[in-house]
Amino acid sequence: MVVEQQLGVLPHPDPGMLKQSVTTNLSQEVAVKDVELHVLRDEVAKREEEAVRLREQLKDAGAKLEDASGELDTMSVEVGTLATNRHAVLKASCVQISGKVHALQARLQMYEAEVAEKDAEIRVLQQAVVTPSSRRAPCSAPT
């Protein structure tokens, strides 16, 4: 076989054409390179497996994030609805209590007016009791 160095093309040499030491060195280099190639292929395979695992984790994390986002939206709507409902209930309760307060105030005013009338009646009766007893003679009790 001919080696053409000008073109840079080196055909695979026939081991019988090379010296024994060159053949041994080349064999050792090939063996070393073969081991390095094997190690690199294993490393590439491991990295590819890790990349696949990381892609799956990323996809799972994206799905979980999407689920959490949906749950957050649902919870936000529920909280908003609850707050609106609670506000409406409190407002209705306030209106109802306000109506009761007004009714109680009206009854209080009515009762205060009745008490004032009764106080006036009591004063009139007290004056009637005091005035006639001074004009009348004491009653004698039958014996």
Protein backbone atom coordinates (compact mmCIF):
# COMPACT_ATOMS: atom_id res chain seq x y z
CA MET A 1 0.00 0.00 0.00
CA VAL A 2 1.14 3.47 -0.84
CA VAL A 3 1.04 6.39 1.58
CA GLU A 4 0.25 9.68 -0.09
CA GLN A 5 1.32 12.44 2.19
CA GLN A 6 0.84 15.26 -0.23
CA LEU A 7 -2.92 14.78 -0.40
CA GLY A 8 -3.16 13.97 3.27
CA VAL A 9 -4.83 10.64 2.56
CA LEU A 10 -3.48 7.79 4.63
CA PRO A 11 -4.81 4.37 3.74
CA HIS A 12 -5.11 1.85 6.50
CA PRO A 13 -1.69 0.25 6.74
CA ASP A 14 -1.27 -3.47 6.53
CA PRO A 15 0.12 -4.58 9.90
CA GLY A 16 2.56 -6.86 8.07
CA MET A 17 4.20 -3.82 6.44
CA LEU A 18 5.05 -2.13 9.75
CA LYS A 19 7.75 -2.97 12.22
CA GLN A 20 6.82 -5.03 15.29
CA SER A 21 7.32 -2.09 17.71
CA VAL A 22 5.22 0.22 15.57
CA THR A 23 2.52 -2.41 15.35
CA THR A 24 2.56 -2.89 19.13
CA ASN A 25 2.42 0.85 19.76
CA LEU A 26 -0.40 1.25 17.27
CA SER A 27 -2.24 -1.68 18.81
CA GLN A 28 -1.88 -0.14 22.25
CA GLU A 29 -3.01 3.25 20.96
CA VAL A 30 -6.00 1.65 19.26
CA ALA A 31 -6.84 -0.20 22.48
CA VAL A 32 -6.53 3.03 24.51
CA LYS A 33 -8.61 4.93 21.99
CA ASP A 34 -11.14 2.10 21.98
CA VAL A 35 -11.40 2.28 25.80
CA GLU A 36 -11.71 6.07 25.65
CA LEU A 37 -14.39 5.71 22.99
CA HIS A 38 -16.25 3.18 25.14
CA VAL A 39 -16.03 5.48 28.20
CA LEU A 40 -17.19 8.49 26.17
CA ARG A 41 -20.10 6.50 24.70
CA ASP A 42 -21.13 5.42 28.23
CA GLU A 43 -20.93 9.02 29.40
CA VAL A 44 -22.98 10.20 26.41
CA ALA A 45 -25.57 7.48 27.12
CA LYS A 46 -25.76 8.52 30.78
CA ARG A 47 -26.13 12.18 29.84
CA GLU A 48 -28.83 11.32 27.30
CA GLU A 49 -30.68 9.33 30.00
CA GLU A 50 -30.31 12.27 32.38
CA ALA A 51 -31.56 14.65 29.68
CA VAL A 52 -34.61 12.42 29.09
CA ARG A 53 -35.26 12.26 32.85
CA LEU A 54 -34.90 16.05 33.17
CA ARG A 55 -37.25 16.59 30.20
CA GLU A 56 -39.83 14.35 31.90
CA GLN A 57 -39.39 16.23 35.17
CA LEU A 58 -39.78 19.52 33.31
CA LYS A 59 -42.93 18.27 31.62
CA ASP A 60 -44.30 17.04 34.99
CA ALA A 61 -43.41 20.35 36.66
CA GLY A 62 -45.13 22.24 33.82
CA ALA A 63 -48.25 20.09 34.23
CA LYS A 64 -48.20 20.63 38.01
CA LEU A 65 -47.75 24.36 37.49
CA GLU A 66 -50.68 24.42 35.09
CA ASP A 67 -52.81 22.45 37.58
CA ALA A 68 -51.80 24.78 40.41
CA SER A 69 -52.57 27.80 38.27
CA GLY A 70 -56.02 26.39 37.49
CA GLU A 71 -56.63 25.63 41.17
CA LEU A 72 -55.51 29.14 42.06
CA ASP A 73 -57.93 30.61 39.55
CA THR A 74 -60.71 28.43 40.95
CA MET A 75 -59.85 29.41 44.52
CA SER A 76 -59.73 33.08 43.55
CA VAL A 77 -63.21 32.81 42.06
CA GLU A 78 -64.46 30.94 45.14
CA VAL A 79 -62.94 33.51 47.50
CA GLY A 80 -64.40 36.33 45.43
CA THR A 81 -67.80 34.65 45.46
CA LEU A 82 -67.61 34.01 49.19
CA ALA A 83 -66.56 37.59 49.84
CA THR A 84 -69.38 38.88 47.65
CA ASN A 85 -71.88 36.55 49.32
CA ARG A 86 -70.63 37.44 52.78
CA HIS A 87 -70.82 41.13 51.91
CA ALA A 88 -74.38 40.68 50.63
CA VAL A 89 -75.38 38.74 53.77
CA LEU A 90 -73.79 41.35 56.03
CA LYS A 91 -75.48 44.16 54.12
CA ALA A 92 -78.88 42.45 54.36
CA SER A 93 -78.27 41.78 58.04
CA CYS A 94 -77.34 45.42 58.54
CA VAL A 95 -80.54 46.55 56.82
CA GLN A 96 -82.60 44.11 58.93
CA ILE A 97 -80.93 45.16 62.18
CA SER A 98 -81.29 48.81 61.24
CA GLY A 99 -85.03 48.26 60.73
CA LYS A 100 -85.27 46.57 64.13
CA VAL A 101 -83.37 49.44 65.76
CA HIS A 102 -85.77 51.97 64.24
CA ALA A 103 -88.77 49.92 65.44
CA LEU A 104 -87.28 49.65 68.94
CA GLN A 105 -86.57 53.40 69.01
CA ALA A 106 -90.18 54.10 68.01
CA ARG A 107 -91.45 51.77 70.75
CA LEU A 108 -89.11 53.45 73.25
CA GLN A 109 -90.47 56.88 72.31
CA MET A 110 -94.02 55.55 72.65
CA TYR A 111 -93.25 54.06 76.08
CA GLU A 112 -91.52 57.26 77.20
CA ALA A 113 -94.63 59.20 76.16
CA GLU A 114 -96.83 56.75 78.11
CA VAL A 115 -94.56 57.10 81.15
CA ALA A 116 -94.78 60.88 80.89
CA GLU A 117 -98.61 60.61 80.76
CA LYS A 118 -98.64 58.25 83.76
CA ASP A 119 -96.34 60.64 85.68
CA ALA A 120 -98.79 63.48 84.93
CA GLU A 121 -101.73 61.32 86.09
CA ILE A 122 -99.86 60.41 89.28
CA ARG A 123 -99.19 64.09 90.04
CA VAL A 124 -102.85 64.92 89.47
CA LEU A 125 -103.96 62.07 91.72
CA GLN A 126 -101.43 63.03 94.39
CA GLN A 127 -102.74 66.59 94.37
CA ALA A 128 -106.33 65.29 94.52
CA VAL A 129 -105.44 63.13 97.52
CA VAL A 130 -103.67 65.97 99.36
CA THR A 131 -106.26 68.69 98.66
CA PRO A 132 -109.50 66.85 99.59
CA SER A 133 -108.12 65.41 102.80
CA SER A 134 -107.40 68.86 104.17
CA ARG A 135 -110.99 69.98 103.48
CA ARG A 136 -112.65 66.93 104.83
CA ALA A 137 -112.97 65.90 108.36
CA PRO A 138 -111.33 62.74 109.32
CA CYS A 139 -113.61 59.78 109.09
CA SER A 140 -114.40 58.14 112.31
CA ALA A 141 -114.30 54.50 112.36
CA PRO A 142 -117.46 52.75 113.58
CA THR A 143 -117.02 51.22 116.94
